[in-house]
PDB file of N, CA and C in Angstrom:
ATOM      1  N   MET A   1     -39.100   3.556   4.025  1.00  0.00           N
ATOM      2  CA  MET A   1     -40.321   3.154   3.288  1.00  0.00           C
ATOM      3  C   MET A   1     -41.307   4.352   3.488  1.00  0.00           C
ATOM      4  N   SER A   2     -41.223   5.002   4.583  1.00  0.00           N
ATOM      5  CA  SER A   2     -42.292   6.227   4.797  1.00  0.00           C
ATOM      6  C   SER A   2     -41.994   7.236   3.778  1.00  0.00           C
ATOM      7  N   PHE A   3     -40.664   7.537   3.502  1.00  0.00           N
ATOM      8  CA  PHE A   3     -40.560   8.544   2.443  1.00  0.00           C
ATOM      9  C   PHE A   3     -41.027   8.130   1.124  1.00  0.00           C
ATOM     10  N   ILE A   4     -40.643   6.914   0.822  1.00  0.00           N
ATOM     11  CA  ILE A   4     -41.121   6.354  -0.515  1.00  0.00           C
ATOM     12  C   ILE A   4     -42.580   6.293  -0.704  1.00  0.00           C
ATOM     13  N   ASN A   5     -43.229   5.894   0.412  1.00  0.00           N
ATOM     14  CA  ASN A   5     -44.833   5.903   0.422  1.00  0.00           C
ATOM     15  C   ASN A   5     -45.405   7.297   0.347  1.00  0.00           C
ATOM     16  N   ARG A   6     -44.663   8.293   0.869  1.00  0.00           N
ATOM     17  CA  ARG A   6     -45.181   9.764   0.748  1.00  0.00           C
ATOM     18  C   ARG A   6     -45.139  10.131  -0.754  1.00  0.00           C
ATOM     19  N   VAL A   7     -44.041   9.868  -1.322  1.00  0.00           N
ATOM     20  CA  VAL A   7     -43.749  10.124  -2.794  1.00  0.00           C
ATOM     21  C   VAL A   7     -44.726   9.442  -3.637  1.00  0.00           C
ATOM     22  N   LYS A   8     -44.923   8.154  -3.423  1.00  0.00           N
ATOM     23  CA  LYS A   8     -45.841   7.341  -4.134  1.00  0.00           C
ATOM     24  C   LYS A   8     -47.322   7.922  -3.989  1.00  0.00           C
ATOM     25  N   ASN A   9     -47.579   8.402  -2.994  1.00  0.00           N
ATOM     26  CA  ASN A   9     -49.024   8.888  -2.699  1.00  0.00           C
ATOM     27  C   ASN A   9     -49.257  10.261  -3.190  1.00  0.00           C
ATOM     28  N   ALA A  10     -48.209  11.033  -3.497  1.00  0.00           N
ATOM     29  CA  ALA A  10     -48.397  12.369  -3.998  1.00  0.00           C
ATOM     30  C   ALA A  10     -48.420  12.327  -5.667  1.00  0.00           C
ATOM     31  N   ASP A  11     -49.439  12.979  -6.190  1.00  0.00           N
ATOM     32  CA  ASP A  11     -49.840  13.055  -7.527  1.00  0.00           C
ATOM     33  C   ASP A  11     -48.704  13.789  -8.411  1.00  0.00           C
ATOM     34  N   ASN A  12     -47.972  14.821  -7.670  1.00  0.00           N
ATOM     35  CA  ASN A  12     -46.959  15.595  -8.423  1.00  0.00           C
ATOM     36  C   ASN A  12     -45.536  15.217  -8.235  1.00  0.00           C
ATOM     37  N   LYS A  13     -45.421  14.058  -7.719  1.00  0.00           N
ATOM     38  CA  LYS A  13     -43.909  13.679  -7.351  1.00  0.00           C
ATOM     39  C   LYS A  13     -43.652  12.249  -7.904  1.00  0.00           C
ATOM     40  N   ARG A  14     -42.387  12.109  -8.251  1.00  0.00           N
ATOM     41  CA  ARG A  14     -41.851  10.825  -8.613  1.00  0.00           C
ATOM     42  C   ARG A  14     -40.569  10.452  -7.876  1.00  0.00           C
ATOM     43  N   PHE A  15     -40.369   9.265  -7.407  1.00  0.00           N
ATOM     44  CA  PHE A  15     -39.059   8.869  -6.847  1.00  0.00           C
ATOM     45  C   PHE A  15     -38.229   8.089  -7.775  1.00  0.00           C
ATOM     46  N   ILE A  16     -37.012   8.657  -8.088  1.00  0.00           N
ATOM     47  CA  ILE A  16     -36.121   8.014  -9.065  1.00  0.00           C
ATOM     48  C   ILE A  16     -34.823   7.729  -8.225  1.00  0.00           C
ATOM     49  N   LEU A  17     -34.691   6.549  -8.195  1.00  0.00           N
ATOM     50  CA  LEU A  17     -33.320   5.983  -7.671  1.00  0.00           C
ATOM     51  C   LEU A  17     -32.533   5.439  -8.665  1.00  0.00           C
ATOM     52  N   THR A  18     -31.281   6.057  -8.807  1.00  0.00           N
ATOM     53  CA  THR A  18     -30.392   5.596  -9.760  1.00  0.00           C
ATOM     54  C   THR A  18     -29.298   4.815  -9.114  1.00  0.00           C
ATOM     55  N   SER A  19     -29.239   3.454  -9.222  1.00  0.00           N
ATOM     56  CA  SER A  19     -28.401   2.491  -8.597  1.00  0.00           C
ATOM     57  C   SER A  19     -28.168   1.381  -9.486  1.00  0.00           C
ATOM     58  N   ARG A  20     -27.267   0.513  -9.225  1.00  0.00           N
ATOM     59  CA  ARG A  20     -26.943  -0.672  -9.959  1.00  0.00           C
ATOM     60  C   ARG A  20     -27.946  -1.677  -9.350  1.00  0.00           C
ATOM     61  N   THR A  21     -28.379  -2.573 -10.157  1.00  0.00           N
ATOM     62  CA  THR A  21     -29.365  -3.589  -9.693  1.00  0.00           C
ATOM     63  C   THR A  21     -28.941  -4.436  -8.581  1.00  0.00           C
ATOM     64  N   HIS A  22     -27.796  -4.897  -8.589  1.00  0.00           N
ATOM     65  CA  HIS A  22     -27.315  -5.796  -7.479  1.00  0.00           C
ATOM     66  C   HIS A  22     -27.242  -5.092  -6.244  1.00  0.00           C
ATOM     67  N   ILE A  23     -27.090  -3.747  -6.179  1.00  0.00           N
ATOM     68  CA  ILE A  23     -27.164  -3.020  -4.830  1.00  0.00           C
ATOM     69  C   ILE A  23     -28.545  -2.917  -4.401  1.00  0.00           C
ATOM     70  N   ILE A  24     -29.522  -2.729  -5.194  1.00  0.00           N
ATOM     71  CA  ILE A  24     -30.769  -2.678  -4.824  1.00  0.00           C
ATOM     72  C   ILE A  24     -31.345  -3.955  -4.298  1.00  0.00           C
ATOM     73  N   ASN A  25     -30.955  -5.036  -5.047  1.00  0.00           N
ATOM     74  CA  ASN A  25     -31.237  -6.458  -4.721  1.00  0.00           C
ATOM     75  C   ASN A  25     -30.667  -6.906  -3.334  1.00  0.00           C
ATOM     76  N   ARG A  26     -29.423  -6.328  -3.174  1.00  0.00           N
ATOM     77  CA  ARG A  26     -28.853  -6.671  -1.849  1.00  0.00           C
ATOM     78  C   ARG A  26     -29.535  -6.047  -0.697  1.00  0.00           C
ATOM     79  N   GLY A  27     -30.002  -4.699  -0.892  1.00  0.00           N
ATOM     80  CA  GLY A  27     -30.908  -4.080   0.101  1.00  0.00           C
ATOM     81  C   GLY A  27     -32.190  -4.645   0.447  1.00  0.00           C
ATOM     82  N   LEU A  28     -32.824  -5.180  -0.654  1.00  0.00           N
ATOM     83  CA  LEU A  28     -34.024  -5.961  -0.532  1.00  0.00           C
ATOM     84  C   LEU A  28     -33.737  -7.272   0.258  1.00  0.00           C
ATOM     85  N   PHE A  29     -32.738  -7.787  -0.051  1.00  0.00           N
ATOM     86  CA  PHE A  29     -32.299  -9.196   0.661  1.00  0.00           C
ATOM     87  C   PHE A  29     -32.184  -8.804   2.204  1.00  0.00           C
ATOM     88  N   LEU A  30     -31.476  -7.741   2.570  1.00  0.00           N
ATOM     89  CA  LEU A  30     -31.143  -7.416   3.934  1.00  0.00           C
ATOM     90  C   LEU A  30     -32.235  -6.748   4.677  1.00  0.00           C
ATOM     91  N   SER A  31     -33.247  -6.161   4.078  1.00  0.00           N
ATOM     92  CA  SER A  31     -34.117  -5.438   4.795  1.00  0.00           C
ATOM     93  C   SER A  31     -35.604  -5.955   4.622  1.00  0.00           C
ATOM     94  N   GLN A  32     -36.141  -6.415   5.675  1.00  0.00           N
ATOM     95  CA  GLN A  32     -37.657  -6.962   5.786  1.00  0.00           C
ATOM     96  C   GLN A  32     -38.482  -5.692   5.311  1.00  0.00           C
ATOM     97  N   VAL A  33     -38.270  -4.534   5.797  1.00  0.00           N
ATOM     98  CA  VAL A  33     -38.968  -3.307   5.682  1.00  0.00           C
ATOM     99  C   VAL A  33     -39.163  -3.209   4.182  1.00  0.00           C
ATOM    100  N   PHE A  34     -37.991  -3.248   3.332  1.00  0.00           N
ATOM    101  CA  PHE A  34     -38.125  -3.030   1.903  1.00  0.00           C
ATOM    102  C   PHE A  34     -38.879  -4.143   1.244  1.00  0.00           C
ATOM    103  N   GLN A  35     -38.631  -5.387   1.704  1.00  0.00           N
ATOM    104  CA  GLN A  35     -39.355  -6.611   1.109  1.00  0.00           C
ATOM    105  C   GLN A  35     -40.830  -6.402   1.338  1.00  0.00           C
ATOM    106  N   ASP A  36     -41.276  -5.982   2.533  1.00  0.00           N
ATOM    107  CA  ASP A  36     -42.700  -5.826   2.764  1.00  0.00           C
ATOM    108  C   ASP A  36     -43.223  -4.718   1.995  1.00  0.00           C
ATOM    109  N   GLY A  37     -42.527  -3.629   1.616  1.00  0.00           N
ATOM    110  CA  GLY A  37     -42.935  -2.546   0.809  1.00  0.00           C
ATOM    111  C   GLY A  37     -43.207  -2.925  -0.617  1.00  0.00           C
ATOM    112  N   ASN A  38     -42.959  -4.129  -1.063  1.00  0.00           N
ATOM    113  CA  ASN A  38     -43.204  -4.607  -2.473  1.00  0.00           C
ATOM    114  C   ASN A  38     -42.774  -3.494  -3.424  1.00  0.00           C
ATOM    115  N   LEU A  39     -41.572  -3.065  -3.240  1.00  0.00           N
ATOM    116  CA  LEU A  39     -41.000  -2.080  -4.232  1.00  0.00           C
ATOM    117  C   LEU A  39     -40.986  -2.608  -5.815  1.00  0.00           C
ATOM    118  N   GLN A  40     -40.758  -3.872  -5.914  1.00  0.00           N
ATOM    119  CA  GLN A  40     -40.555  -4.392  -7.284  1.00  0.00           C
ATOM    120  C   GLN A  40     -41.922  -4.205  -8.141  1.00  0.00           C
ATOM    121  N   ARG A  41     -42.913  -3.910  -7.495  1.00  0.00           N
ATOM    122  CA  ARG A  41     -44.086  -3.726  -8.334  1.00  0.00           C
ATOM    123  C   ARG A  41     -44.080  -2.527  -9.186  1.00  0.00           C
ATOM    124  N   ASN A  42     -43.311  -1.529  -8.652  1.00  0.00           N
ATOM    125  CA  ASN A  42     -43.150  -0.102  -9.301  1.00  0.00           C
ATOM    126  C   ASN A  42     -41.876   0.016  -9.811  1.00  0.00           C
ATOM    127  N   GLU A  43     -41.109  -0.908  -9.962  1.00  0.00           N
ATOM    128  CA  GLU A  43     -39.532  -0.763 -10.406  1.00  0.00           C
ATOM    129  C   GLU A  43     -39.480  -0.899 -11.845  1.00  0.00           C
ATOM    130  N   TYR A  44     -38.666  -0.020 -12.407  1.00  0.00           N
ATOM    131  CA  TYR A  44     -38.326   0.056 -13.758  1.00  0.00           C
ATOM    132  C   TYR A  44     -36.827   0.088 -13.919  1.00  0.00           C
ATOM    133  N   GLU A  45     -36.317  -0.768 -14.773  1.00  0.00           N
ATOM    134  CA  GLU A  45     -34.874  -0.725 -15.180  1.00  0.00           C
ATOM    135  C   GLU A  45     -34.549  -0.256 -16.432  1.00  0.00           C
ATOM    136  N   VAL A  46     -33.631   0.612 -16.406  1.00  0.00           N
ATOM    137  CA  VAL A  46     -33.221   1.209 -17.778  1.00  0.00           C
ATOM    138  C   VAL A  46     -31.702   0.735 -18.102  1.00  0.00           C
ATOM    139  N   LYS A  47     -31.524   0.149 -19.225  1.00  0.00           N
ATOM    140  CA  LYS A  47     -30.274  -0.483 -19.594  1.00  0.00           C
ATOM    141  C   LYS A  47     -29.806   0.392 -20.754  1.00  0.00           C
ATOM    142  N   LEU A  48     -28.501   0.701 -20.616  1.00  0.00           N
ATOM    143  CA  LEU A  48     -27.821   1.468 -21.725  1.00  0.00           C
ATOM    144  C   LEU A  48     -26.943   0.348 -22.388  1.00  0.00           C
ATOM    145  N   GLU A  49     -27.323  -0.269 -23.346  1.00  0.00           N
ATOM    146  CA  GLU A  49     -26.440  -1.318 -23.992  1.00  0.00           C
ATOM    147  C   GLU A  49     -26.062  -0.969 -25.389  1.00  0.00           C
ATOM    148  N   ASN A  50     -26.743  -0.274 -26.117  1.00  0.00           N
ATOM    149  CA  ASN A  50     -26.342  -0.046 -27.400  1.00  0.00           C
ATOM    150  C   ASN A  50     -26.260   1.554 -27.783  1.00  0.00           C
ATOM    151  N   LEU A  51     -25.343   2.049 -27.081  1.00  0.00           N
ATOM    152  CA  LEU A  51     -25.185   3.534 -27.296  1.00  0.00           C
ATOM    153  C   LEU A  51     -24.520   3.697 -28.649  1.00  0.00           C
ATOM    154  N   SER A  52     -24.818   4.703 -29.374  1.00  0.00           N
ATOM    155  CA  SER A  52     -24.258   4.986 -30.701  1.00  0.00           C
ATOM    156  C   SER A  52     -22.837   5.630 -30.351  1.00  0.00           C
ATOM    157  N   LEU A  53     -21.959   5.655 -31.430  1.00  0.00           N
ATOM    158  CA  LEU A  53     -20.736   6.151 -31.261  1.00  0.00           C
ATOM    159  C   LEU A  53     -20.731   7.628 -30.942  1.00  0.00           C
ATOM    160  N   ILE A  54     -21.692   8.362 -31.650  1.00  0.00           N
ATOM    161  CA  ILE A  54     -21.788   9.803 -31.413  1.00  0.00           C
ATOM    162  C   ILE A  54     -22.349  10.052 -29.946  1.00  0.00           C
ATOM    163  N   THR A  55     -23.114   9.240 -29.388  1.00  0.00           N
ATOM    164  CA  THR A  55     -23.649   9.428 -27.956  1.00  0.00           C
ATOM    165  C   THR A  55     -22.473   9.039 -27.014  1.00  0.00           C
ATOM    166  N   LYS A  56     -21.686   8.077 -27.365  1.00  0.00           N
ATOM    167  CA  LYS A  56     -20.494   7.780 -26.343  1.00  0.00           C
ATOM    168  C   LYS A  56     -19.537   8.952 -26.498  1.00  0.00           C
ATOM    169  N   ALA A  57     -19.334   9.488 -27.697  1.00  0.00           N
ATOM    170  CA  ALA A  57     -18.425  10.534 -27.768  1.00  0.00           C
ATOM    171  C   ALA A  57     -18.800  11.842 -27.082  1.00  0.00           C
ATOM    172  N   ARG A  58     -20.199  12.044 -27.211  1.00  0.00           N
ATOM    173  CA  ARG A  58     -20.885  13.174 -26.309  1.00  0.00           C
ATOM    174  C   ARG A  58     -20.548  13.142 -24.939  1.00  0.00           C
ATOM    175  N   ILE A  59     -20.761  11.824 -24.428  1.00  0.00           N
ATOM    176  CA  ILE A  59     -20.615  11.636 -23.027  1.00  0.00           C
ATOM    177  C   ILE A  59     -19.228  11.727 -22.565  1.00  0.00           C
ATOM    178  N   LEU A  60     -18.378  11.276 -23.376  1.00  0.00           N
ATOM    179  CA  LEU A  60     -16.887  11.431 -23.130  1.00  0.00           C
ATOM    180  C   LEU A  60     -16.524  12.946 -23.087  1.00  0.00           C
ATOM    181  N   TYR A  61     -16.953  13.647 -24.102  1.00  0.00           N
ATOM    182  CA  TYR A  61     -16.583  15.162 -24.170  1.00  0.00           C
ATOM    183  C   TYR A  61     -17.214  15.855 -23.043  1.00  0.00           C
ATOM    184  N   SER A  62     -18.386  15.606 -22.474  1.00  0.00           N
ATOM    185  CA  SER A  62     -19.020  16.366 -21.567  1.00  0.00           C
ATOM    186  C   SER A  62     -18.252  16.062 -20.307  1.00  0.00           C
ATOM    187  N   HIS A  63     -17.877  14.783 -19.923  1.00  0.00           N
ATOM    188  CA  HIS A  63     -17.158  14.594 -18.767  1.00  0.00           C
ATOM    189  C   HIS A  63     -15.791  15.162 -18.735  1.00  0.00           C
ATOM    190  N   ILE A  64     -15.169  15.249 -19.905  1.00  0.00           N
ATOM    191  CA  ILE A  64     -13.744  15.917 -20.066  1.00  0.00           C
ATOM    192  C   ILE A  64     -14.011  17.323 -19.766  1.00  0.00           C
ATOM    193  N   PHE A  65     -14.987  17.874 -20.590  1.00  0.00           N
ATOM    194  CA  PHE A  65     -15.200  19.332 -20.421  1.00  0.00           C
ATOM    195  C   PHE A  65     -15.642  19.894 -18.983  1.00  0.00           C
ATOM    196  N   HIS A  66     -16.259  19.073 -18.295  1.00  0.00           N
ATOM    197  CA  HIS A  66     -16.594  19.413 -16.835  1.00  0.00           C
ATOM    198  C   HIS A  66     -15.707  18.907 -15.886  1.00  0.00           C
ATOM    199  N   SER A  67     -14.514  18.301 -16.273  1.00  0.00           N
ATOM    200  CA  SER A  67     -13.648  17.784 -15.338  1.00  0.00           C
ATOM    201  C   SER A  67     -12.590  18.772 -14.817  1.00  0.00           C
ATOM    202  N   ALA A  68     -11.878  18.430 -13.873  1.00  0.00           N
ATOM    203  CA  ALA A  68     -10.704  19.273 -13.472  1.00  0.00           C
ATOM    204  C   ALA A  68      -9.462  18.717 -13.872  1.00  0.00           C
ATOM    205  N   LEU A  69      -9.604  17.783 -14.895  1.00  0.00           N
ATOM    206  CA  LEU A  69      -8.265  17.104 -15.481  1.00  0.00           C
ATOM    207  C   LEU A  69      -7.310  18.309 -15.947  1.00  0.00           C
ATOM    208  N   PRO A  70      -6.041  18.056 -15.787  1.00  0.00           N
ATOM    209  CA  PRO A  70      -4.982  19.113 -16.236  1.00  0.00           C
ATOM    210  C   PRO A  70      -5.138  19.115 -17.905  1.00  0.00           C
ATOM    211  N   LYS A  71      -4.905  20.338 -18.382  1.00  0.00           N
ATOM    212  CA  LYS A  71      -4.989  20.553 -19.791  1.00  0.00           C
ATOM    213  C   LYS A  71      -4.087  19.692 -20.665  1.00  0.00           C
ATOM    214  N   GLU A  72      -2.842  19.444 -19.955  1.00  0.00           N
ATOM    215  CA  GLU A  72      -1.902  18.633 -20.712  1.00  0.00           C
ATOM    216  C   GLU A  72      -2.568  17.125 -20.990  1.00  0.00           C
ATOM    217  N   PHE A  73      -3.221  16.577 -20.045  1.00  0.00           N
ATOM    218  CA  PHE A  73      -3.690  15.338 -20.012  1.00  0.00           C
ATOM    219  C   PHE A  73      -4.938  15.319 -21.032  1.00  0.00           C
ATOM    220  N   ILE A  74      -5.796  16.326 -21.043  1.00  0.00           N
ATOM    221  CA  ILE A  74      -6.846  16.405 -22.031  1.00  0.00           C
ATOM    222  C   ILE A  74      -6.335  16.616 -23.513  1.00  0.00           C
ATOM    223  N   ASP A  75      -5.211  17.403 -23.663  1.00  0.00           N
ATOM    224  CA  ASP A  75      -4.598  17.631 -24.908  1.00  0.00           C
ATOM    225  C   ASP A  75      -4.250  16.183 -25.504  1.00  0.00           C
ATOM    226  N   LYS A  76      -3.743  15.286 -24.744  1.00  0.00           N
ATOM    227  CA  LYS A  76      -3.200  14.134 -25.145  1.00  0.00           C
ATOM    228  C   LYS A  76      -4.356  13.043 -25.641  1.00  0.00           C
ATOM    229  N   ILE A  77      -5.596  13.422 -25.202  1.00  0.00           N
ATOM    230  CA  ILE A  77      -6.651  12.565 -25.620  1.00  0.00           C
ATOM    231  C   ILE A  77      -6.909  12.990 -27.036  1.00  0.00           C
ATOM    232  N   TYR A  78      -6.737  14.242 -27.515  1.00  0.00           N
ATOM    233  CA  TYR A  78      -7.167  14.648 -28.773  1.00  0.00           C
ATOM    234  C   TYR A  78      -5.924  14.475 -29.854  1.00  0.00           C
ATOM    235  N   VAL A  79      -4.893  14.256 -29.435  1.00  0.00           N
ATOM    236  CA  VAL A  79      -3.666  13.890 -30.261  1.00  0.00           C
ATOM    237  C   VAL A  79      -3.886  12.598 -31.005  1.00  0.00           C
ATOM    238  N   LYS A  80      -3.799  12.767 -32.327  1.00  0.00           N
ATOM    239  CA  LYS A  80      -4.102  11.593 -33.321  1.00  0.00           C
ATOM    240  C   LYS A  80      -5.530  10.864 -32.969  1.00  0.00           C
ATOM    241  N   LYS A  81      -6.460  11.771 -32.513  1.00  0.00           N
ATOM    242  CA  LYS A  81      -7.796  11.273 -32.188  1.00  0.00           C
ATOM    243  C   LYS A  81      -7.860  10.017 -31.326  1.00  0.00           C
ATOM    244  N   LYS A  82      -7.070  10.094 -30.200  1.00  0.00           N
ATOM    245  CA  LYS A  82      -7.171   8.990 -29.318  1.00  0.00           C
ATOM    246  C   LYS A  82      -8.394   8.725 -28.551  1.00  0.00           C
ATOM    247  N   TYR A  83      -9.207   9.698 -28.678  1.00  0.00           N
ATOM    248  CA  TYR A  83     -10.630   9.639 -28.103  1.00  0.00           C
ATOM    249  C   TYR A  83     -11.311   8.419 -28.879  1.00  0.00           C
ATOM    250  N   LEU A  84     -11.031   8.259 -30.143  1.00  0.00           N
ATOM    251  CA  LEU A  84     -11.747   7.211 -30.950  1.00  0.00           C
ATOM    252  C   LEU A  84     -11.623   5.797 -30.284  1.00  0.00           C
ATOM    253  N   SER A  85     -10.350   5.620 -29.902  1.00  0.00           N
ATOM    254  CA  SER A  85     -10.103   4.351 -29.317  1.00  0.00           C
ATOM    255  C   SER A  85     -10.956   4.142 -28.049  1.00  0.00           C
ATOM    256  N   ILE A  86     -11.252   5.157 -27.319  1.00  0.00           N
ATOM    257  CA  ILE A  86     -11.960   5.078 -26.121  1.00  0.00           C
ATOM    258  C   ILE A  86     -13.326   4.791 -26.435  1.00  0.00           C
ATOM    259  N   VAL A  87     -13.982   5.599 -27.370  1.00  0.00           N
ATOM    260  CA  VAL A  87     -15.567   5.383 -27.633  1.00  0.00           C
ATOM    261  C   VAL A  87     -15.657   4.070 -28.527  1.00  0.00           C
ATOM    262  N   HIS A  88     -14.576   3.488 -29.126  1.00  0.00           N
ATOM    263  CA  HIS A  88     -14.854   2.287 -29.921  1.00  0.00           C
ATOM    264  C   HIS A  88     -14.527   0.989 -28.973  1.00  0.00           C
ATOM    265  N   HIS A  89     -14.090   1.286 -27.933  1.00  0.00           N
ATOM    266  CA  HIS A  89     -13.596   0.269 -26.905  1.00  0.00           C
ATOM    267  C   HIS A  89     -14.835  -0.670 -26.496  1.00  0.00           C
ATOM    268  N   ASP A  90     -14.627  -1.903 -26.612  1.00  0.00           N
ATOM    269  CA  ASP A  90     -15.768  -2.974 -26.221  1.00  0.00           C
ATOM    270  C   ASP A  90     -16.273  -2.734 -24.925  1.00  0.00           C
ATOM    271  N   ASN A  91     -15.588  -2.261 -23.836  1.00  0.00           N
ATOM    272  CA  ASN A  91     -15.935  -2.097 -22.505  1.00  0.00           C
ATOM    273  C   ASN A  91     -16.168  -0.737 -22.235  1.00  0.00           C
ATOM    274  N   TYR A  92     -16.528   0.107 -23.203  1.00  0.00           N
ATOM    275  CA  TYR A  92     -16.949   1.541 -22.943  1.00  0.00           C
ATOM    276  C   TYR A  92     -18.126   1.558 -21.924  1.00  0.00           C
ATOM    277  N   ASN A  93     -17.867   2.316 -20.872  1.00  0.00           N
ATOM    278  CA  ASN A  93     -18.947   2.386 -19.748  1.00  0.00           C
ATOM    279  C   ASN A  93     -19.054   3.824 -19.400  1.00  0.00           C
ATOM    280  N   PRO A  94     -20.166   4.567 -19.423  1.00  0.00           N
ATOM    281  CA  PRO A  94     -20.276   5.996 -18.970  1.00  0.00           C
ATOM    282  C   PRO A  94     -19.822   6.148 -17.432  1.00  0.00           C
ATOM    283  N   ARG A  95     -20.065   5.034 -16.527  1.00  0.00           N
ATOM    284  CA  ARG A  95     -19.746   4.989 -15.270  1.00  0.00           C
ATOM    285  C   ARG A  95     -18.184   5.165 -15.114  1.00  0.00           C
ATOM    286  N   LEU A  96     -17.561   4.343 -15.842  1.00  0.00           N
ATOM    287  CA  LEU A  96     -16.162   4.325 -15.880  1.00  0.00           C
ATOM    288  C   LEU A  96     -15.535   5.712 -16.283  1.00  0.00           C
ATOM    289  N   ILE A  97     -16.153   6.315 -17.440  1.00  0.00           N
ATOM    290  CA  ILE A  97     -15.715   7.504 -17.853  1.00  0.00           C
ATOM    291  C   ILE A  97     -15.732   8.662 -16.669  1.00  0.00           C
ATOM    292  N   SER A  98     -16.923   8.464 -16.108  1.00  0.00           N
ATOM    293  CA  SER A  98     -17.174   9.397 -14.958  1.00  0.00           C
ATOM    294  C   SER A  98     -15.974   9.302 -13.889  1.00  0.00           C
ATOM    295  N   TYR A  99     -15.830   8.084 -13.559  1.00  0.00           N
ATOM    296  CA  TYR A  99     -14.874   7.825 -12.556  1.00  0.00           C
ATOM    297  C   TYR A  99     -13.399   8.264 -12.916  1.00  0.00           C
ATOM    298  N   ILE A 100     -13.128   8.066 -14.142  1.00  0.00           N
ATOM    299  CA  ILE A 100     -11.709   8.284 -14.591  1.00  0.00           C
ATOM    300  C   ILE A 100     -11.595   9.924 -14.717  1.00  0.00           C
ATOM    301  N   THR A 101     -12.606  10.649 -15.137  1.00  0.00           N
ATOM    302  CA  THR A 101     -12.539  11.991 -15.357  1.00  0.00           C
ATOM    303  C   THR A 101     -12.689  12.891 -14.172  1.00  0.00           C
ATOM    304  N   ASP A 102     -13.086  12.232 -13.006  1.00  0.00           N
ATOM    305  CA  ASP A 102     -13.289  12.989 -11.722  1.00  0.00           C
ATOM    306  C   ASP A 102     -12.020  12.772 -10.845  1.00  0.00           C
ATOM    307  N   VAL A 103     -11.181  13.699 -10.906  1.00  0.00           N
ATOM    308  CA  VAL A 103      -9.943  13.700 -10.174  1.00  0.00           C
ATOM    309  C   VAL A 103      -9.900  13.782  -8.690  1.00  0.00           C
ATOM    310  N   PHE A 104     -11.092  14.089  -8.283  1.00  0.00           N
ATOM    311  CA  PHE A 104     -11.298  14.159  -6.702  1.00  0.00           C
ATOM    312  C   PHE A 104     -11.884  12.892  -6.111  1.00  0.00           C
ATOM    313  N   LYS A 105     -12.002  11.947  -6.825  1.00  0.00           N
ATOM    314  CA  LYS A 105     -12.502  10.521  -6.154  1.00  0.00           C
ATOM    315  C   LYS A 105     -11.453   9.891  -5.553  1.00  0.00           C
TER     316      LYS A 105
END
């Protein structure tokens, strides 16, 4: 909380925490220090629910481009435009794309 308060009191700083809501809520539940800090007052949640197909494709392409995936695997994604089935999938999720394309996890 001391770090968060230092950032909060600085005019030229912002504290951005990227996490899933249930993780933050669990931390608040377990920590009296965070409960007393009244963090929810300054909390904003960004939801990515309606990504366009082009945005999904760009996210997929970026993760593939920056990955260490074998070329043979990448080539198979482009055969017969298989990437389209990925970006059209109902359960498309950028976090899942990141997980799948990071071979070091």
